Amino acid sequence: MSGHRVLSVLEKAKMVCWFEETNSLAMVARRYRSEFGVEPPTLSQIKRIHRQFLETGSVVAEQPSVASSLRQNLFNNQRLNSAEAVQLSQASLNLAHRETFA
């Protein structure tokens, strides 16, 4: 792959599907070049993306989920009144500050 181009979720998903169909890294690279018209990722990158999918069920890099963050924030703020808890949760999730109903 020339440079350090970031692969889209679609590109990663197609590579996983192609590898499952063909069980060939070289075939995946050829199909990628044909489909997207650019040089494919290296064979080791394709292998890593496939392994990540097998291990996690996703081709998306893991990040803390919003639901997990919200759940932890609400747990930590359980003793606050509801308006304060909402404001702190909004701040931790980088949501625009909104008026709360008292």
Protein backbone atom coordinates (compact mmCIF):
# COMPACT_ATOMS: atom_id res chain seq x y z
CA MET A 1 0.00 0.00 0.00
CA SER A 2 1.52 3.32 -0.97
CA GLY A 3 1.90 5.71 1.97
CA HIS A 4 -0.25 5.25 5.01
CA ARG A 5 -3.73 5.51 3.53
CA VAL A 6 -6.47 4.80 6.04
CA LEU A 7 -8.70 1.95 4.93
CA SER A 8 -12.46 2.39 5.10
CA VAL A 9 -14.69 -0.05 6.93
CA LEU A 10 -16.09 -1.13 3.53
CA GLU A 11 -12.60 -1.92 2.21
CA LYS A 12 -11.75 -3.95 5.31
CA ALA A 13 -15.07 -5.81 5.23
CA LYS A 14 -14.66 -6.71 1.56
CA MET A 15 -11.15 -8.01 2.18
CA VAL A 16 -12.42 -10.22 5.01
CA CYS A 17 -15.20 -11.58 2.77
CA TRP A 18 -12.82 -12.20 -0.12
CA PHE A 19 -10.38 -14.04 2.14
CA GLU A 20 -13.21 -16.19 3.49
CA GLU A 21 -14.23 -17.02 -0.11
CA THR A 22 -10.76 -17.73 -1.50
CA ASN A 23 -8.53 -18.43 1.51
CA SER A 24 -5.80 -16.66 -0.49
CA LEU A 25 -4.11 -13.41 0.51
CA ALA A 26 -2.83 -12.96 -3.06
CA MET A 27 -6.36 -13.27 -4.48
CA VAL A 28 -7.61 -10.72 -1.95
CA ALA A 29 -4.87 -8.31 -3.05
CA ARG A 30 -5.78 -8.79 -6.75
CA ARG A 31 -9.49 -8.28 -6.12
CA TYR A 32 -8.75 -5.19 -4.02
CA ARG A 33 -6.64 -3.67 -6.82
CA SER A 34 -9.36 -4.48 -9.36
CA GLU A 35 -12.23 -3.19 -7.19
CA PHE A 36 -10.68 0.00 -5.82
CA GLY A 37 -8.13 0.86 -8.51
CA VAL A 38 -5.29 1.44 -6.05
CA GLU A 39 -2.48 -0.65 -4.61
CA PRO A 40 -3.77 -3.04 -1.95
CA PRO A 41 -2.60 -3.15 1.64
CA THR A 42 0.33 -5.46 2.31
CA LEU A 43 -0.40 -9.14 2.76
CA SER A 44 0.46 -8.82 6.45
CA GLN A 45 -2.07 -5.99 6.82
CA ILE A 46 -4.77 -8.08 5.13
CA LYS A 47 -3.91 -10.97 7.44
CA ARG A 48 -4.09 -8.67 10.50
CA ILE A 49 -7.51 -7.30 9.45
CA HIS A 50 -8.83 -10.84 8.96
CA ARG A 51 -7.43 -11.97 12.32
CA GLN A 52 -8.99 -8.93 14.03
CA PHE A 53 -12.34 -9.85 12.51
CA LEU A 54 -12.06 -13.45 13.72
CA GLU A 55 -11.08 -12.33 17.23
CA THR A 56 -13.52 -9.44 17.70
CA GLY A 57 -16.25 -9.91 15.10
CA SER A 58 -15.49 -6.45 13.75
CA VAL A 59 -13.10 -4.74 11.34
CA VAL A 60 -13.43 -1.46 13.23
CA ALA A 61 -10.65 -0.59 15.68
CA GLU A 62 -11.91 -0.97 19.23
CA GLN A 63 -12.76 2.21 21.11
CA PRO A 64 -14.60 2.60 24.38
CA SER A 65 -18.26 2.54 23.50
CA VAL A 66 -20.52 5.49 24.23
CA ALA A 67 -22.90 3.22 26.13
CA SER A 68 -20.07 1.94 28.31
CA SER A 69 -18.87 5.48 28.98
CA LEU A 70 -22.37 6.65 29.84
CA ARG A 71 -23.02 3.67 32.09
CA GLN A 72 -19.77 4.23 34.01
CA ASN A 73 -20.44 7.95 34.29
CA LEU A 74 -23.94 7.41 35.64
CA PHE A 75 -22.64 4.83 38.11
CA ASN A 76 -20.01 7.28 39.37
CA ASN A 77 -22.58 10.05 39.67
CA GLN A 78 -25.43 8.09 41.23
CA ARG A 79 -25.55 10.35 44.29
CA LEU A 80 -25.96 13.53 42.28
CA ASN A 81 -29.38 14.91 41.51
CA SER A 82 -30.62 14.04 38.03
CA ALA A 83 -29.86 17.45 36.49
CA GLU A 84 -26.24 17.32 37.67
CA ALA A 85 -25.82 13.73 36.47
CA VAL A 86 -27.17 14.62 33.02
CA GLN A 87 -24.84 17.62 32.75
CA LEU A 88 -21.79 15.57 33.75
CA SER A 89 -22.74 12.78 31.34
CA GLN A 90 -23.18 15.27 28.50
CA ALA A 91 -19.81 16.81 29.26
CA SER A 92 -18.02 13.44 29.33
CA LEU A 93 -19.58 12.46 25.99
CA ASN A 94 -18.74 15.85 24.43
CA LEU A 95 -22.40 16.62 23.80
CA ALA A 96 -23.51 20.22 23.47
CA HIS A 97 -24.62 21.66 26.80
CA ARG A 98 -28.40 21.82 26.87
CA GLU A 99 -30.93 23.18 29.27
CA THR A 100 -32.10 20.54 31.69
CA PHE A 101 -35.57 20.32 33.10
CA ALA A 102 -35.67 20.89 36.83
